[in-house]
Structure formats: C-alpha cells, structure tokens
Amino acid sequence: MSFELEHYMLPCLNKQLLGFDCLGCGIQRAFFLILKGEFSAAFKMYPAIYPLIVLTLFLCLNFFFKFKHANKIINILAITSVTTILVSFTIKLINQ
C-alpha cells in the first residue's frame, strides 16, 4: 500500500501570497515522512515535529490520566516546541 496522502496536503497560503515560508511550513510533509518511517528526513524537514508530537501525546494522556505536575510539564514542552520552531525558522531565513 502506497501513501497517496501527499496529494491531499494543504498549500501554504503565506508562501503563495507573500513568497516566503511561514512558521509552520514543512509540518505536514514532516508528519507524512514520520508515517513512512523516515525519521531523520522528518527532522530535517521540520525540526519541531518531535517536541510537538511529545506535547500532543502528553496533552492526550493528561486528559485521561491526571499527572501531578502536568502544568509544569506542559509549559516546559510548549516552551521547547515554540523555541524549536523559532530557532529553526530563523536559521531557515538566514540560509535562504
């Protein structure tokens, strides 16, 4: 079975209208690369994919099982995710 989901990806309106990437450019392609098992390619495509996955999984688990220091863990994961997004975006802009 081949992954044909790439044909249904949403285009980046920011890139189409303004001509440069947005902070989320690459996240869909990185997610599909993870589904295909290409983990290092996913990281190269969008480095924040892994902190975002960990944050999402923790939020889902915390919905069903209440953790003692959940707010602190969520804040740390969110800060890590946002920092990774901003740093990778800045590096991408500098290298263009």
C-alpha atoms as a PDB file:
ATOM      1  CA  MET A   1       0.000   0.000   0.000  1.00  0.00           C
ATOM      2  CA  SER A   2       1.479   3.295  -1.070  1.00  0.00           C
ATOM      3  CA  PHE A   3       0.990   6.530   0.833  1.00  0.00           C
ATOM      4  CA  GLU A   4      -1.025   8.713  -1.514  1.00  0.00           C
ATOM      5  CA  LEU A   5      -1.823  11.269   1.203  1.00  0.00           C
ATOM      6  CA  GLU A   6       0.738  13.687  -0.216  1.00  0.00           C
ATOM      7  CA  HIS A   7      -1.790  14.597  -2.894  1.00  0.00           C
ATOM      8  CA  TYR A   8      -4.138  15.985  -0.230  1.00  0.00           C
ATOM      9  CA  MET A   9      -1.732  18.315   1.584  1.00  0.00           C
ATOM     10  CA  LEU A  10      -2.796  21.894   2.113  1.00  0.00           C
ATOM     11  CA  PRO A  11      -0.716  24.561   0.372  1.00  0.00           C
ATOM     12  CA  CYS A  12       0.920  27.316   2.406  1.00  0.00           C
ATOM     13  CA  LEU A  13      -1.053  30.468   1.666  1.00  0.00           C
ATOM     14  CA  ASN A  14       1.681  32.623   3.183  1.00  0.00           C
ATOM     15  CA  LYS A  15       4.216  31.224   0.715  1.00  0.00           C
ATOM     16  CA  GLN A  16       1.818  31.512  -2.213  1.00  0.00           C
ATOM     17  CA  LEU A  17       0.746  35.090  -1.448  1.00  0.00           C
ATOM     18  CA  LEU A  18       3.874  36.606   0.105  1.00  0.00           C
ATOM     19  CA  GLY A  19       6.601  34.404  -1.347  1.00  0.00           C
ATOM     20  CA  PHE A  20       8.283  33.187   1.847  1.00  0.00           C
ATOM     21  CA  ASP A  21       7.787  30.333   4.293  1.00  0.00           C
ATOM     22  CA  CYS A  22       5.675  30.631   7.417  1.00  0.00           C
ATOM     23  CA  LEU A  23       6.473  29.174  10.855  1.00  0.00           C
ATOM     24  CA  GLY A  24       4.532  26.008  10.021  1.00  0.00           C
ATOM     25  CA  CYS A  25       5.906  25.312   6.558  1.00  0.00           C
ATOM     26  CA  GLY A  26       7.042  21.717   6.399  1.00  0.00           C
ATOM     27  CA  ILE A  27       5.000  20.302   9.264  1.00  0.00           C
ATOM     28  CA  GLN A  28       2.641  18.320   7.005  1.00  0.00           C
ATOM     29  CA  ARG A  29       5.481  16.871   4.963  1.00  0.00           C
ATOM     30  CA  ALA A  30       7.409  16.028   8.147  1.00  0.00           C
ATOM     31  CA  PHE A  31       4.356  14.233   9.561  1.00  0.00           C
ATOM     32  CA  PHE A  32       3.985  12.165   6.391  1.00  0.00           C
ATOM     33  CA  LEU A  33       7.704  11.356   6.478  1.00  0.00           C
ATOM     34  CA  ILE A  34       7.237  10.013  10.014  1.00  0.00           C
ATOM     35  CA  LEU A  35       4.343   7.876   8.800  1.00  0.00           C
ATOM     36  CA  LYS A  36       6.664   6.470   6.138  1.00  0.00           C
ATOM     37  CA  GLY A  37       9.352   5.765   8.752  1.00  0.00           C
ATOM     38  CA  GLU A  38      11.791   8.406   7.514  1.00  0.00           C
ATOM     39  CA  PHE A  39      12.526   9.911  10.917  1.00  0.00           C
ATOM     40  CA  SER A  40      15.728  11.812  10.168  1.00  0.00           C
ATOM     41  CA  ALA A  41      14.217  13.278   6.982  1.00  0.00           C
ATOM     42  CA  ALA A  42      11.233  14.432   9.054  1.00  0.00           C
ATOM     43  CA  PHE A  43      13.568  16.181  11.488  1.00  0.00           C
ATOM     44  CA  LYS A  44      15.432  17.871   8.643  1.00  0.00           C
ATOM     45  CA  MET A  45      12.132  18.979   7.099  1.00  0.00           C
ATOM     46  CA  TYR A  46      10.662  20.412  10.327  1.00  0.00           C
ATOM     47  CA  PRO A  47      12.792  20.099  13.486  1.00  0.00           C
ATOM     48  CA  ALA A  48       9.936  20.985  15.827  1.00  0.00           C
ATOM     49  CA  ILE A  49       7.901  17.939  14.790  1.00  0.00           C
ATOM     50  CA  TYR A  50       9.188  15.798  17.651  1.00  0.00           C
ATOM     51  CA  PRO A  51       8.637  18.289  20.503  1.00  0.00           C
ATOM     52  CA  LEU A  52       5.155  18.924  19.091  1.00  0.00           C
ATOM     53  CA  ILE A  53       4.381  15.198  18.993  1.00  0.00           C
ATOM     54  CA  VAL A  54       5.563  14.757  22.581  1.00  0.00           C
ATOM     55  CA  LEU A  55       3.448  17.747  23.662  1.00  0.00           C
ATOM     56  CA  THR A  56       0.383  16.406  21.852  1.00  0.00           C
ATOM     57  CA  LEU A  57       0.801  12.917  23.312  1.00  0.00           C
ATOM     58  CA  PHE A  58       1.240  14.310  26.816  1.00  0.00           C
ATOM     59  CA  LEU A  59      -1.852  16.501  26.462  1.00  0.00           C
ATOM     60  CA  CYS A  60      -3.878  13.480  25.327  1.00  0.00           C
ATOM     61  CA  LEU A  61      -2.570  11.306  28.159  1.00  0.00           C
ATOM     62  CA  ASN A  62      -3.193  14.060  30.673  1.00  0.00           C
ATOM     63  CA  PHE A  63      -6.799  14.253  29.508  1.00  0.00           C
ATOM     64  CA  PHE A  64      -7.384  10.666  30.639  1.00  0.00           C
ATOM     65  CA  PHE A  65      -4.805  10.307  33.420  1.00  0.00           C
ATOM     66  CA  LYS A  66      -4.190  13.359  35.571  1.00  0.00           C
ATOM     67  CA  PHE A  67      -0.480  13.814  36.295  1.00  0.00           C
ATOM     68  CA  LYS A  68       0.763  15.538  39.424  1.00  0.00           C
ATOM     69  CA  HIS A  69       2.893  18.246  37.801  1.00  0.00           C
ATOM     70  CA  ALA A  70       1.059  18.379  34.482  1.00  0.00           C
ATOM     71  CA  ASN A  71       1.001  22.178  34.186  1.00  0.00           C
ATOM     72  CA  LYS A  72       4.752  22.439  34.662  1.00  0.00           C
ATOM     73  CA  ILE A  73       5.417  19.642  32.147  1.00  0.00           C
ATOM     74  CA  ILE A  74       3.035  21.197  29.608  1.00  0.00           C
ATOM     75  CA  ASN A  75       4.711  24.587  29.996  1.00  0.00           C
ATOM     76  CA  ILE A  76       8.187  23.084  29.507  1.00  0.00           C
ATOM     77  CA  LEU A  77       7.073  21.118  26.433  1.00  0.00           C
ATOM     78  CA  ALA A  78       5.301  24.163  24.971  1.00  0.00           C
ATOM     79  CA  ILE A  79       8.328  26.415  25.525  1.00  0.00           C
ATOM     80  CA  THR A  80      10.583  23.760  23.972  1.00  0.00           C
ATOM     81  CA  SER A  81       8.284  23.471  20.959  1.00  0.00           C
ATOM     82  CA  VAL A  82       7.983  27.222  20.390  1.00  0.00           C
ATOM     83  CA  THR A  83      11.713  27.746  20.856  1.00  0.00           C
ATOM     84  CA  THR A  84      12.493  24.983  18.367  1.00  0.00           C
ATOM     85  CA  ILE A  85      10.043  26.480  15.862  1.00  0.00           C
ATOM     86  CA  LEU A  86      11.519  29.975  16.190  1.00  0.00           C
ATOM     87  CA  VAL A  87      15.152  28.869  16.057  1.00  0.00           C
ATOM     88  CA  SER A  88      14.639  26.611  13.025  1.00  0.00           C
ATOM     89  CA  PHE A  89      12.625  29.313  11.262  1.00  0.00           C
ATOM     90  CA  THR A  90      15.345  31.889  11.920  1.00  0.00           C
ATOM     91  CA  ILE A  91      18.036  29.521  10.618  1.00  0.00           C
ATOM     92  CA  LYS A  92      15.917  28.820   7.529  1.00  0.00           C
ATOM     93  CA  LEU A  93      15.534  32.559   6.859  1.00  0.00           C
ATOM     94  CA  ILE A  94      19.237  33.215   7.290  1.00  0.00           C
ATOM     95  CA  ASN A  95      20.213  30.387   4.924  1.00  0.00           C
ATOM     96  CA  GLN A  96      17.874  31.448   2.105  1.00  0.00           C
END
